[in-house]
């Protein structure tokens, strides 16, 4: 991390994190701040150890956006499914009509043969 163009080492970050943890712990486990920070210290330690900056709020927002997109996609796919279902039902009805016509044609042909 860099503040005011001064590099801060991982050890300094860990030390600062320990101080913050102690301060929050001093408020008691049922304090509003302790409740808000629950799990955050683990993420901060992972960030320091792995050289990245994961943030649960950002992650939750990204997941919310992805959920919104997927919800739209589900709606679109449901509309497509309904359209294909209607097409299949129409094709099935047309097939029944064509089968009936074929049967009538074949019956007429057989009757003509029998009459000849």
PDB file of N, CA and C in Angstrom:
ATOM      1  N   UNK A   1       0.845  -1.171   0.000  1.00  0.00           N
ATOM      2  CA  UNK A   1       0.000   0.000   0.000  1.00  0.00           C
ATOM      3  C   UNK A   1       0.896   1.242   0.000  1.00  0.00           C
ATOM      4  N   UNK A   2       0.389   2.300  -0.570  1.00  0.00           N
ATOM      5  CA  UNK A   2       1.180   3.526  -0.671  1.00  0.00           C
ATOM      6  C   UNK A   2       0.319   4.708  -0.239  1.00  0.00           C
ATOM      7  N   UNK A   3       0.829   5.492   0.719  1.00  0.00           N
ATOM      8  CA  UNK A   3       0.142   6.709   1.127  1.00  0.00           C
ATOM      9  C   UNK A   3       1.146   7.839   1.111  1.00  0.00           C
ATOM     10  N   UNK A   4       0.748   8.922   0.536  1.00  0.00           N
ATOM     11  CA  UNK A   4       1.631  10.084   0.428  1.00  0.00           C
ATOM     12  C   UNK A   4       2.975   9.701  -0.181  1.00  0.00           C
ATOM     13  N   UNK A   5       2.940   8.832  -1.174  1.00  0.00           N
ATOM     14  CA  UNK A   5       4.131   8.377  -1.890  1.00  0.00           C
ATOM     15  C   UNK A   5       5.143   7.676  -0.992  1.00  0.00           C
ATOM     16  N   UNK A   6       4.726   7.124   0.137  1.00  0.00           N
ATOM     17  CA  UNK A   6       5.598   6.384   1.031  1.00  0.00           C
ATOM     18  C   UNK A   6       5.121   4.941   1.033  1.00  0.00           C
ATOM     19  N   UNK A   7       6.014   4.027   0.690  1.00  0.00           N
ATOM     20  CA  UNK A   7       5.659   2.606   0.677  1.00  0.00           C
ATOM     21  C   UNK A   7       5.505   2.100   2.101  1.00  0.00           C
ATOM     22  N   UNK A   8       4.466   1.336   2.324  1.00  0.00           N
ATOM     23  CA  UNK A   8       4.228   0.710   3.612  1.00  0.00           C
ATOM     24  C   UNK A   8       4.477  -0.780   3.442  1.00  0.00           C
ATOM     25  N   UNK A   9       5.248  -1.351   4.323  1.00  0.00           N
ATOM     26  CA  UNK A   9       5.575  -2.769   4.190  1.00  0.00           C
ATOM     27  C   UNK A   9       4.421  -3.629   4.692  1.00  0.00           C
ATOM     28  N   UNK A  10       4.488  -4.906   4.316  1.00  0.00           N
ATOM     29  CA  UNK A  10       3.475  -5.843   4.794  1.00  0.00           C
ATOM     30  C   UNK A  10       3.508  -5.949   6.314  1.00  0.00           C
ATOM     31  N   UNK A  11       4.717  -5.901   6.877  1.00  0.00           N
ATOM     32  CA  UNK A  11       4.833  -5.968   8.337  1.00  0.00           C
ATOM     33  C   UNK A  11       4.160  -4.768   8.991  1.00  0.00           C
ATOM     34  N   UNK A  12       4.323  -3.590   8.388  1.00  0.00           N
ATOM     35  CA  UNK A  12       3.675  -2.395   8.927  1.00  0.00           C
ATOM     36  C   UNK A  12       2.148  -2.519   8.823  1.00  0.00           C
ATOM     37  N   UNK A  13       1.689  -3.088   7.705  1.00  0.00           N
ATOM     38  CA  UNK A  13       0.246  -3.302   7.526  1.00  0.00           C
ATOM     39  C   UNK A  13      -0.273  -4.280   8.577  1.00  0.00           C
ATOM     40  N   UNK A  14       0.465  -5.364   8.799  1.00  0.00           N
ATOM     41  CA  UNK A  14       0.057  -6.349   9.808  1.00  0.00           C
ATOM     42  C   UNK A  14       0.016  -5.713  11.205  1.00  0.00           C
ATOM     43  N   UNK A  15       1.011  -4.887  11.518  1.00  0.00           N
ATOM     44  CA  UNK A  15       1.060  -4.211  12.816  1.00  0.00           C
ATOM     45  C   UNK A  15      -0.142  -3.276  12.976  1.00  0.00           C
ATOM     46  N   UNK A  16      -0.441  -2.523  11.928  1.00  0.00           N
ATOM     47  CA  UNK A  16      -1.592  -1.618  11.978  1.00  0.00           C
ATOM     48  C   UNK A  16      -2.888  -2.412  12.141  1.00  0.00           C
ATOM     49  N   UNK A  17      -2.978  -3.528  11.455  1.00  0.00           N
ATOM     50  CA  UNK A  17      -4.166  -4.372  11.559  1.00  0.00           C
ATOM     51  C   UNK A  17      -4.334  -4.897  12.987  1.00  0.00           C
ATOM     52  N   UNK A  18      -3.250  -5.314  13.615  1.00  0.00           N
ATOM     53  CA  UNK A  18      -3.308  -5.802  14.994  1.00  0.00           C
ATOM     54  C   UNK A  18      -3.772  -4.692  15.941  1.00  0.00           C
ATOM     55  N   UNK A  19      -3.325  -3.472  15.694  1.00  0.00           N
ATOM     56  CA  UNK A  19      -3.744  -2.349  16.533  1.00  0.00           C
ATOM     57  C   UNK A  19      -5.248  -2.087  16.369  1.00  0.00           C
ATOM     58  N   UNK A  20      -5.695  -2.154  15.133  1.00  0.00           N
ATOM     59  CA  UNK A  20      -7.124  -1.939  14.861  1.00  0.00           C
ATOM     60  C   UNK A  20      -7.949  -3.054  15.501  1.00  0.00           C
ATOM     61  N   UNK A  21      -7.475  -4.291  15.376  1.00  0.00           N
ATOM     62  CA  UNK A  21      -8.169  -5.428  15.989  1.00  0.00           C
ATOM     63  C   UNK A  21      -8.297  -5.223  17.500  1.00  0.00           C
ATOM     64  N   UNK A  22      -7.208  -4.804  18.121  1.00  0.00           N
ATOM     65  CA  UNK A  22      -7.214  -4.595  19.572  1.00  0.00           C
ATOM     66  C   UNK A  22      -8.194  -3.493  19.957  1.00  0.00           C
ATOM     67  N   UNK A  23      -8.211  -2.432  19.177  1.00  0.00           N
ATOM     68  CA  UNK A  23      -9.125  -1.324  19.434  1.00  0.00           C
ATOM     69  C   UNK A  23     -10.578  -1.790  19.345  1.00  0.00           C
ATOM     70  N   UNK A  24     -10.905  -2.529  18.291  1.00  0.00           N
ATOM     71  CA  UNK A  24     -12.269  -3.028  18.094  1.00  0.00           C
ATOM     72  C   UNK A  24     -12.626  -4.043  19.174  1.00  0.00           C
ATOM     73  N   UNK A  25     -11.675  -4.932  19.503  1.00  0.00           N
ATOM     74  CA  UNK A  25     -11.925  -5.919  20.555  1.00  0.00           C
ATOM     75  C   UNK A  25     -12.223  -5.230  21.882  1.00  0.00           C
ATOM     76  N   UNK A  26     -11.591  -4.099  22.122  1.00  0.00           N
ATOM     77  CA  UNK A  26     -11.816  -3.342  23.345  1.00  0.00           C
ATOM     78  C   UNK A  26     -13.225  -2.785  23.449  1.00  0.00           C
ATOM     79  N   UNK A  27     -13.930  -2.694  22.344  1.00  0.00           N
ATOM     80  CA  UNK A  27     -15.308  -2.195  22.355  1.00  0.00           C
ATOM     81  C   UNK A  27     -16.296  -3.259  22.813  1.00  0.00           C
ATOM     82  N   UNK A  28     -15.849  -4.510  22.816  1.00  0.00           N
ATOM     83  CA  UNK A  28     -16.732  -5.611  23.207  1.00  0.00           C
ATOM     84  C   UNK A  28     -17.322  -6.301  21.991  1.00  0.00           C
ATOM     85  N   UNK A  29     -17.642  -7.577  22.142  1.00  0.00           N
ATOM     86  CA  UNK A  29     -18.115  -8.362  20.989  1.00  0.00           C
ATOM     87  C   UNK A  29     -19.486  -7.938  20.472  1.00  0.00           C
ATOM     88  N   UNK A  30     -20.255  -7.248  21.281  1.00  0.00           N
ATOM     89  CA  UNK A  30     -21.601  -6.847  20.861  1.00  0.00           C
ATOM     90  C   UNK A  30     -21.683  -5.395  20.394  1.00  0.00           C
ATOM     91  N   UNK A  31     -20.527  -4.758  20.252  1.00  0.00           N
ATOM     92  CA  UNK A  31     -20.563  -3.364  19.789  1.00  0.00           C
ATOM     93  C   UNK A  31     -20.938  -3.327  18.316  1.00  0.00           C
ATOM     94  N   UNK A  32     -21.480  -2.214  17.910  1.00  0.00           N
ATOM     95  CA  UNK A  32     -21.869  -2.050  16.512  1.00  0.00           C
ATOM     96  C   UNK A  32     -20.665  -2.186  15.590  1.00  0.00           C
ATOM     97  N   UNK A  33     -19.565  -1.598  16.010  1.00  0.00           N
ATOM     98  CA  UNK A  33     -18.352  -1.638  15.186  1.00  0.00           C
ATOM     99  C   UNK A  33     -17.816  -3.056  15.105  1.00  0.00           C
ATOM    100  N   UNK A  34     -17.775  -3.763  16.240  1.00  0.00           N
ATOM    101  CA  UNK A  34     -17.297  -5.149  16.228  1.00  0.00           C
ATOM    102  C   UNK A  34     -18.168  -6.007  15.319  1.00  0.00           C
ATOM    103  N   UNK A  35     -19.462  -5.771  15.371  1.00  0.00           N
ATOM    104  CA  UNK A  35     -20.378  -6.519  14.504  1.00  0.00           C
ATOM    105  C   UNK A  35     -20.100  -6.226  13.034  1.00  0.00           C
ATOM    106  N   UNK A  36     -19.883  -4.968  12.720  1.00  0.00           N
ATOM    107  CA  UNK A  36     -19.617  -4.581  11.327  1.00  0.00           C
ATOM    108  C   UNK A  36     -18.293  -5.137  10.826  1.00  0.00           C
ATOM    109  N   UNK A  37     -17.321  -5.273  11.732  1.00  0.00           N
ATOM    110  CA  UNK A  37     -15.994  -5.734  11.339  1.00  0.00           C
ATOM    111  C   UNK A  37     -15.855  -7.261  11.362  1.00  0.00           C
ATOM    112  N   UNK A  38     -16.897  -7.978  11.770  1.00  0.00           N
ATOM    113  CA  UNK A  38     -16.823  -9.432  11.864  1.00  0.00           C
ATOM    114  C   UNK A  38     -16.449 -10.011  10.495  1.00  0.00           C
ATOM    115  N   UNK A  39     -15.360 -10.726  10.447  1.00  0.00           N
ATOM    116  CA  UNK A  39     -14.885 -11.348   9.210  1.00  0.00           C
ATOM    117  C   UNK A  39     -13.983 -10.465   8.366  1.00  0.00           C
ATOM    118  N   UNK A  40     -14.025  -9.170   8.607  1.00  0.00           N
ATOM    119  CA  UNK A  40     -13.253  -8.232   7.795  1.00  0.00           C
ATOM    120  C   UNK A  40     -11.754  -8.365   8.069  1.00  0.00           C
ATOM    121  N   UNK A  41     -11.389  -8.636   9.296  1.00  0.00           N
ATOM    122  CA  UNK A  41      -9.966  -8.756   9.621  1.00  0.00           C
ATOM    123  C   UNK A  41      -9.334  -9.938   8.885  1.00  0.00           C
ATOM    124  N   UNK A  42     -10.094 -11.032   8.750  1.00  0.00           N
ATOM    125  CA  UNK A  42      -9.587 -12.191   7.993  1.00  0.00           C
ATOM    126  C   UNK A  42      -9.328 -11.809   6.536  1.00  0.00           C
ATOM    127  N   UNK A  43     -10.232 -11.027   5.981  1.00  0.00           N
ATOM    128  CA  UNK A  43     -10.067 -10.586   4.590  1.00  0.00           C
ATOM    129  C   UNK A  43      -8.843  -9.682   4.478  1.00  0.00           C
ATOM    130  N   UNK A  44      -8.675  -8.799   5.446  1.00  0.00           N
ATOM    131  CA  UNK A  44      -7.513  -7.905   5.429  1.00  0.00           C
ATOM    132  C   UNK A  44      -6.218  -8.706   5.499  1.00  0.00           C
ATOM    133  N   UNK A  45      -6.191  -9.729   6.359  1.00  0.00           N
ATOM    134  CA  UNK A  45      -4.991 -10.569   6.452  1.00  0.00           C
ATOM    135  C   UNK A  45      -4.721 -11.286   5.133  1.00  0.00           C
ATOM    136  N   UNK A  46      -5.772 -11.796   4.505  1.00  0.00           N
ATOM    137  CA  UNK A  46      -5.607 -12.451   3.200  1.00  0.00           C
ATOM    138  C   UNK A  46      -5.097 -11.457   2.161  1.00  0.00           C
ATOM    139  N   UNK A  47      -5.629 -10.257   2.189  1.00  0.00           N
ATOM    140  CA  UNK A  47      -5.173  -9.228   1.251  1.00  0.00           C
ATOM    141  C   UNK A  47      -3.675  -8.971   1.407  1.00  0.00           C
ATOM    142  N   UNK A  48      -3.240  -8.852   2.649  1.00  0.00           N
ATOM    143  CA  UNK A  48      -1.822  -8.595   2.913  1.00  0.00           C
ATOM    144  C   UNK A  48      -0.982  -9.781   2.446  1.00  0.00           C
ATOM    145  N   UNK A  49      -1.401 -10.980   2.830  1.00  0.00           N
ATOM    146  CA  UNK A  49      -0.634 -12.185   2.488  1.00  0.00           C
ATOM    147  C   UNK A  49      -0.574 -12.435   0.980  1.00  0.00           C
ATOM    148  N   UNK A  50      -1.667 -12.142   0.280  1.00  0.00           N
ATOM    149  CA  UNK A  50      -1.759 -12.501  -1.138  1.00  0.00           C
ATOM    150  C   UNK A  50      -1.570 -11.335  -2.103  1.00  0.00           C
ATOM    151  N   UNK A  51      -1.250 -10.171  -1.584  1.00  0.00           N
ATOM    152  CA  UNK A  51      -1.037  -8.984  -2.418  1.00  0.00           C
ATOM    153  C   UNK A  51      -2.240  -8.627  -3.290  1.00  0.00           C
ATOM    154  N   UNK A  52      -3.412  -8.703  -2.737  1.00  0.00           N
ATOM    155  CA  UNK A  52      -4.572  -8.207  -3.478  1.00  0.00           C
ATOM    156  C   UNK A  52      -5.497  -7.470  -2.532  1.00  0.00           C
ATOM    157  N   UNK A  53      -6.499  -6.850  -3.098  1.00  0.00           N
ATOM    158  CA  UNK A  53      -7.370  -6.012  -2.271  1.00  0.00           C
ATOM    159  C   UNK A  53      -8.824  -6.436  -2.433  1.00  0.00           C
ATOM    160  N   UNK A  54      -9.155  -7.555  -1.803  1.00  0.00           N
ATOM    161  CA  UNK A  54     -10.540  -8.006  -1.821  1.00  0.00           C
ATOM    162  C   UNK A  54     -11.372  -7.181  -0.861  1.00  0.00           C
ATOM    163  N   UNK A  55     -12.579  -6.870  -1.280  1.00  0.00           N
ATOM    164  CA  UNK A  55     -13.476  -6.077  -0.452  1.00  0.00           C
ATOM    165  C   UNK A  55     -14.846  -6.733  -0.501  1.00  0.00           C
ATOM    166  N   UNK A  56     -15.397  -7.147   0.645  1.00  0.00           N
ATOM    167  CA  UNK A  56     -16.674  -7.856   0.627  1.00  0.00           C
ATOM    168  C   UNK A  56     -17.828  -7.007   0.107  1.00  0.00           C
ATOM    169  N   UNK A  57     -17.784  -5.711   0.335  1.00  0.00           N
ATOM    170  CA  UNK A  57     -18.855  -4.845  -0.155  1.00  0.00           C
ATOM    171  C   UNK A  57     -18.830  -4.804  -1.680  1.00  0.00           C
ATOM    172  N   UNK A  58     -17.628  -4.609  -2.246  1.00  0.00           N
ATOM    173  CA  UNK A  58     -17.510  -4.603  -3.703  1.00  0.00           C
ATOM    174  C   UNK A  58     -17.935  -5.946  -4.278  1.00  0.00           C
ATOM    175  N   UNK A  59     -17.507  -7.018  -3.630  1.00  0.00           N
ATOM    176  CA  UNK A  59     -17.850  -8.364  -4.095  1.00  0.00           C
ATOM    177  C   UNK A  59     -19.367  -8.567  -4.052  1.00  0.00           C
ATOM    178  N   UNK A  60     -19.994  -8.123  -2.984  1.00  0.00           N
ATOM    179  CA  UNK A  60     -21.450  -8.260  -2.863  1.00  0.00           C
ATOM    180  C   UNK A  60     -22.157  -7.454  -3.941  1.00  0.00           C
ATOM    181  N   UNK A  61     -21.650  -6.275  -4.227  1.00  0.00           N
ATOM    182  CA  UNK A  61     -22.254  -5.449  -5.281  1.00  0.00           C
ATOM    183  C   UNK A  61     -22.107  -6.116  -6.642  1.00  0.00           C
ATOM    184  N   UNK A  62     -20.935  -6.681  -6.900  1.00  0.00           N
ATOM    185  CA  UNK A  62     -20.717  -7.393  -8.160  1.00  0.00           C
ATOM    186  C   UNK A  62     -21.667  -8.579  -8.271  1.00  0.00           C
ATOM    187  N   UNK A  63     -21.812  -9.314  -7.177  1.00  0.00           N
ATOM    188  CA  UNK A  63     -22.734 -10.456  -7.182  1.00  0.00           C
ATOM    189  C   UNK A  63     -24.169  -9.996  -7.402  1.00  0.00           C
ATOM    190  N   UNK A  64     -24.522  -8.864  -6.805  1.00  0.00           N
ATOM    191  CA  UNK A  64     -25.864  -8.309  -7.009  1.00  0.00           C
ATOM    192  C   UNK A  64     -26.102  -7.951  -8.465  1.00  0.00           C
ATOM    193  N   UNK A  65     -25.090  -7.346  -9.094  1.00  0.00           N
ATOM    194  CA  UNK A  65     -25.204  -7.002 -10.512  1.00  0.00           C
ATOM    195  C   UNK A  65     -25.319  -8.259 -11.370  1.00  0.00           C
ATOM    196  N   UNK A  66     -24.512  -9.268 -11.047  1.00  0.00           N
ATOM    197  CA  UNK A  66     -24.579 -10.523 -11.792  1.00  0.00           C
ATOM    198  C   UNK A  66     -25.948 -11.177 -11.621  1.00  0.00           C
ATOM    199  N   UNK A  67     -26.481 -11.120 -10.415  1.00  0.00           N
ATOM    200  CA  UNK A  67     -27.801 -11.688 -10.160  1.00  0.00           C
ATOM    201  C   UNK A  67     -28.864 -10.965 -10.980  1.00  0.00           C
ATOM    202  N   UNK A  68     -28.772  -9.649 -11.044  1.00  0.00           N
ATOM    203  CA  UNK A  68     -29.725  -8.869 -11.836  1.00  0.00           C
ATOM    204  C   UNK A  68     -29.643  -9.252 -13.312  1.00  0.00           C
ATOM    205  N   UNK A  69     -28.419  -9.406 -13.812  1.00  0.00           N
ATOM    206  CA  UNK A  69     -28.248  -9.813 -15.214  1.00  0.00           C
ATOM    207  C   UNK A  69     -28.819 -11.199 -15.458  1.00  0.00           C
ATOM    208  N   UNK A  70     -28.544 -12.122 -14.531  1.00  0.00           N
ATOM    209  CA  UNK A  70     -29.052 -13.495 -14.683  1.00  0.00           C
ATOM    210  C   UNK A  70     -30.574 -13.528 -14.608  1.00  0.00           C
ATOM    211  N   UNK A  71     -31.141 -12.663 -13.766  1.00  0.00           N
ATOM    212  CA  UNK A  71     -32.594 -12.601 -13.653  1.00  0.00           C
ATOM    213  C   UNK A  71     -33.207 -12.159 -14.974  1.00  0.00           C
ATOM    214  N   UNK A  72     -32.591 -11.181 -15.608  1.00  0.00           N
ATOM    215  CA  UNK A  72     -33.060 -10.730 -16.924  1.00  0.00           C
ATOM    216  C   UNK A  72     -32.934 -11.867 -17.938  1.00  0.00           C
ATOM    217  N   UNK A  73     -31.799 -12.562 -17.898  1.00  0.00           N
ATOM    218  CA  UNK A  73     -31.587 -13.681 -18.822  1.00  0.00           C
ATOM    219  C   UNK A  73     -32.616 -14.780 -18.607  1.00  0.00           C
ATOM    220  N   UNK A  74     -32.926 -15.069 -17.355  1.00  0.00           N
ATOM    221  CA  UNK A  74     -33.922 -16.102 -17.057  1.00  0.00           C
ATOM    222  C   UNK A  74     -35.271 -15.695 -17.649  1.00  0.00           C
ATOM    223  N   UNK A  75     -35.621 -14.430 -17.496  1.00  0.00           N
ATOM    224  CA  UNK A  75     -36.879 -13.940 -18.066  1.00  0.00           C
ATOM    225  C   UNK A  75     -36.902 -14.077 -19.586  1.00  0.00           C
ATOM    226  N   UNK A  76     -35.789 -13.728 -20.218  1.00  0.00           N
ATOM    227  CA  UNK A  76     -35.703 -13.845 -21.673  1.00  0.00           C
ATOM    228  C   UNK A  76     -35.800 -15.298 -22.115  1.00  0.00           C
ATOM    229  N   UNK A  77     -35.107 -16.170 -21.389  1.00  0.00           N
ATOM    230  CA  UNK A  77     -35.141 -17.592 -21.736  1.00  0.00           C
ATOM    231  C   UNK A  77     -36.534 -18.179 -21.523  1.00  0.00           C
ATOM    232  N   UNK A  78     -37.228 -17.722 -20.505  1.00  0.00           N
ATOM    233  CA  UNK A  78     -38.596 -18.194 -20.274  1.00  0.00           C
ATOM    234  C   UNK A  78     -39.501 -17.773 -21.427  1.00  0.00           C
ATOM    235  N   UNK A  79     -39.317 -16.546 -21.914  1.00  0.00           N
ATOM    236  CA  UNK A  79     -40.096 -16.085 -23.066  1.00  0.00           C
ATOM    237  C   UNK A  79     -39.795 -16.929 -24.300  1.00  0.00           C
ATOM    238  N   UNK A  80     -38.500 -17.200 -24.526  1.00  0.00           N
ATOM    239  CA  UNK A  80     -38.117 -18.046 -25.665  1.00  0.00           C
ATOM    240  C   UNK A  80     -38.714 -19.437 -25.536  1.00  0.00           C
ATOM    241  N   UNK A  81     -38.647 -19.999 -24.315  1.00  0.00           N
ATOM    242  CA  UNK A  81     -39.215 -21.329 -24.078  1.00  0.00           C
ATOM    243  C   UNK A  81     -40.704 -21.343 -24.413  1.00  0.00           C
ATOM    244  N   UNK A  82     -41.425 -20.320 -23.967  1.00  0.00           N
ATOM    245  CA  UNK A  82     -42.860 -20.250 -24.230  1.00  0.00           C
ATOM    246  C   UNK A  82     -43.137 -20.143 -25.725  1.00  0.00           C
ATOM    247  N   UNK A  83     -42.286 -19.377 -26.412  1.00  0.00           N
ATOM    248  CA  UNK A  83     -42.446 -19.225 -27.866  1.00  0.00           C
ATOM    249  C   UNK A  83     -42.215 -20.562 -28.571  1.00  0.00           C
ATOM    250  N   UNK A  84     -41.159 -21.275 -28.186  1.00  0.00           N
ATOM    251  CA  UNK A  84     -40.882 -22.575 -28.805  1.00  0.00           C
ATOM    252  C   UNK A  84     -41.959 -23.597 -28.465  1.00  0.00           C
ATOM    253  N   UNK A  85     -42.489 -23.514 -27.255  1.00  0.00           N
ATOM    254  CA  UNK A  85     -43.566 -24.426 -26.858  1.00  0.00           C
ATOM    255  C   UNK A  85     -44.797 -24.180 -27.726  1.00  0.00           C
ATOM    256  N   UNK A  86     -45.126 -22.916 -27.940  1.00  0.00           N
ATOM    257  CA  UNK A  86     -46.279 -22.577 -28.790  1.00  0.00           C
ATOM    258  C   UNK A  86     -46.045 -23.059 -30.217  1.00  0.00           C
ATOM    259  N   UNK A  87     -44.815 -22.898 -30.714  1.00  0.00           N
ATOM    260  CA  UNK A  87     -44.488 -23.379 -32.066  1.00  0.00           C
ATOM    261  C   UNK A  87     -44.637 -24.898 -32.151  1.00  0.00           C
ATOM    262  N   UNK A  88     -44.168 -25.596 -31.125  1.00  0.00           N
ATOM    263  CA  UNK A  88     -44.260 -27.063 -31.111  1.00  0.00           C
ATOM    264  C   UNK A  88     -45.710 -27.501 -31.085  1.00  0.00           C
ATOM    265  N   UNK A  89     -46.536 -26.823 -30.298  1.00  0.00           N
ATOM    266  CA  UNK A  89     -47.956 -27.164 -30.243  1.00  0.00           C
ATOM    267  C   UNK A  89     -48.626 -26.915 -31.586  1.00  0.00           C
ATOM    268  N   UNK A  90     -48.264 -25.813 -32.250  1.00  0.00           N
ATOM    269  CA  UNK A  90     -48.834 -25.518 -33.570  1.00  0.00           C
ATOM    270  C   UNK A  90     -48.382 -26.559 -34.589  1.00  0.00           C
ATOM    271  N   UNK A  91     -47.114 -26.953 -34.519  1.00  0.00           N
ATOM    272  CA  UNK A  91     -46.604 -27.966 -35.445  1.00  0.00           C
ATOM    273  C   UNK A  91     -47.288 -29.311 -35.198  1.00  0.00           C
ATOM    274  N   UNK A  92     -47.521 -29.624 -33.944  1.00  0.00           N
ATOM    275  CA  UNK A  92     -48.204 -30.881 -33.610  1.00  0.00           C
ATOM    276  C   UNK A  92     -49.634 -30.879 -34.141  1.00  0.00           C
ATOM    277  N   UNK A  93     -50.311 -29.757 -34.014  1.00  0.00           N
ATOM    278  CA  UNK A  93     -51.673 -29.649 -34.546  1.00  0.00           C
ATOM    279  C   UNK A  93     -51.667 -29.785 -36.064  1.00  0.00           C
ATOM    280  N   UNK A  94     -50.692 -29.171 -36.710  1.00  0.00           N
ATOM    281  CA  UNK A  94     -50.589 -29.269 -38.163  1.00  0.00           C
ATOM    282  C   UNK A  94     -50.300 -30.709 -38.580  1.00  0.00           C
ATOM    283  N   UNK A  95     -49.467 -31.402 -37.821  1.00  0.00           N
ATOM    284  CA  UNK A  95     -49.152 -32.793 -38.106  1.00  0.00           C
ATOM    285  C   UNK A  95     -50.410 -33.661 -38.011  1.00  0.00           C
ATOM    286  N   UNK A  96     -51.247 -33.412 -37.015  1.00  0.00           N
ATOM    287  CA  UNK A  96     -52.495 -34.168 -36.873  1.00  0.00           C
ATOM    288  C   UNK A  96     -53.384 -33.953 -38.093  1.00  0.00           C
ATOM    289  N   UNK A  97     -53.474 -32.710 -38.556  1.00  0.00           N
ATOM    290  CA  UNK A  97     -54.275 -32.401 -39.740  1.00  0.00           C
ATOM    291  C   UNK A  97     -53.720 -33.125 -40.966  1.00  0.00           C
ATOM    292  N   UNK A  98     -52.384 -33.088 -41.118  1.00  0.00           N
ATOM    293  CA  UNK A  98     -51.775 -33.747 -42.271  1.00  0.00           C
ATOM    294  C   UNK A  98     -51.956 -35.263 -42.221  1.00  0.00           C
ATOM    295  N   UNK A  99     -51.870 -35.841 -41.047  1.00  0.00           N
ATOM    296  CA  UNK A  99     -52.105 -37.282 -40.905  1.00  0.00           C
ATOM    297  C   UNK A  99     -53.544 -37.637 -41.285  1.00  0.00           C
ATOM    298  N   UNK A 100     -54.478 -36.779 -40.857  1.00  0.00           N
ATOM    299  CA  UNK A 100     -55.885 -37.022 -41.197  1.00  0.00           C
ATOM    300  C   UNK A 100     -56.090 -36.941 -42.714  1.00  0.00           C
ATOM    301  N   UNK A 101     -55.463 -35.970 -43.345  1.00  0.00           N
ATOM    302  CA  UNK A 101     -55.571 -35.844 -44.802  1.00  0.00           C
ATOM    303  C   UNK A 101     -54.964 -37.052 -45.504  1.00  0.00           C
ATOM    304  N   UNK A 102     -53.818 -37.505 -45.010  1.00  0.00           N
ATOM    305  CA  UNK A 102     -53.168 -38.680 -45.588  1.00  0.00           C
ATOM    306  C   UNK A 102     -54.059 -39.902 -45.440  1.00  0.00           C
ATOM    307  N   UNK A 103     -54.649 -40.066 -44.275  1.00  0.00           N
ATOM    308  CA  UNK A 103     -55.550 -41.191 -44.050  1.00  0.00           C
ATOM    309  C   UNK A 103     -56.725 -41.131 -45.024  1.00  0.00           C
ATOM    310  N   UNK A 104     -57.336 -39.936 -45.156  1.00  0.00           N
ATOM    311  CA  UNK A 104     -58.459 -39.778 -46.084  1.00  0.00           C
ATOM    312  C   UNK A 104     -58.040 -40.108 -47.507  1.00  0.00           C
ATOM    313  N   UNK A 105     -56.856 -39.652 -47.900  1.00  0.00           N
ATOM    314  CA  UNK A 105     -56.349 -39.917 -49.250  1.00  0.00           C
ATOM    315  C   UNK A 105     -56.142 -41.416 -49.456  1.00  0.00           C
ATOM    316  N   UNK A 106     -55.509 -42.056 -48.469  1.00  0.00           N
ATOM    317  CA  UNK A 106     -55.243 -43.496 -48.595  1.00  0.00           C
ATOM    318  C   UNK A 106     -56.545 -44.287 -48.599  1.00  0.00           C
ATOM    319  N   UNK A 107     -57.527 -43.871 -47.803  1.00  0.00           N
ATOM    320  CA  UNK A 107     -58.822 -44.559 -47.771  1.00  0.00           C
ATOM    321  C   UNK A 107     -59.533 -44.399 -49.114  1.00  0.00           C
ATOM    322  N   UNK A 108     -59.435 -43.210 -49.697  1.00  0.00           N
ATOM    323  CA  UNK A 108     -60.066 -42.976 -51.009  1.00  0.00           C
ATOM    324  C   UNK A 108     -59.407 -43.805 -52.082  1.00  0.00           C
ATOM    325  N   UNK A 109     -58.090 -43.926 -52.028  1.00  0.00           N
ATOM    326  CA  UNK A 109     -57.350 -44.742 -52.996  1.00  0.00           C
ATOM    327  C   UNK A 109     -57.752 -46.211 -52.875  1.00  0.00           C
ATOM    328  N   UNK A 110     -57.872 -46.694 -51.646  1.00  0.00           N
ATOM    329  CA  UNK A 110     -58.248 -48.084 -51.418  1.00  0.00           C
ATOM    330  C   UNK A 110     -59.653 -48.343 -51.908  1.00  0.00           C
ATOM    331  N   UNK A 111     -60.555 -47.379 -51.709  1.00  0.00           N
ATOM    332  CA  UNK A 111     -61.926 -47.536 -52.158  1.00  0.00           C
ATOM    333  C   UNK A 111     -62.002 -47.572 -53.681  1.00  0.00           C
ATOM    334  N   UNK A 112     -61.175 -46.759 -54.352  1.00  0.00           N
ATOM    335  CA  UNK A 112     -61.141 -46.764 -55.815  1.00  0.00           C
ATOM    336  C   UNK A 112     -60.631 -48.105 -56.341  1.00  0.00           C
ATOM    337  N   UNK A 113     -59.609 -48.642 -55.653  1.00  0.00           N
ATOM    338  CA  UNK A 113     -59.082 -49.950 -56.075  1.00  0.00           C
ATOM    339  C   UNK A 113     -60.133 -51.031 -55.908  1.00  0.00           C
ATOM    340  N   UNK A 114     -60.870 -50.932 -54.771  1.00  0.00           N
ATOM    341  CA  UNK A 114     -61.890 -51.941 -54.517  1.00  0.00           C
ATOM    342  C   UNK A 114     -63.020 -51.842 -55.533  1.00  0.00           C
ATOM    343  N   UNK A 115     -63.300 -50.681 -56.040  1.00  0.00           N
ATOM    344  CA  UNK A 115     -64.392 -50.483 -57.004  1.00  0.00           C
ATOM    345  C   UNK A 115     -63.962 -50.879 -58.404  1.00  0.00           C
ATOM    346  N   UNK A 116     -62.689 -50.950 -58.655  1.00  0.00           N
ATOM    347  CA  UNK A 116     -62.264 -51.276 -60.015  1.00  0.00           C
ATOM    348  C   UNK A 116     -62.192 -52.742 -60.259  1.00  0.00           C
TER     349      UNK A 116
END
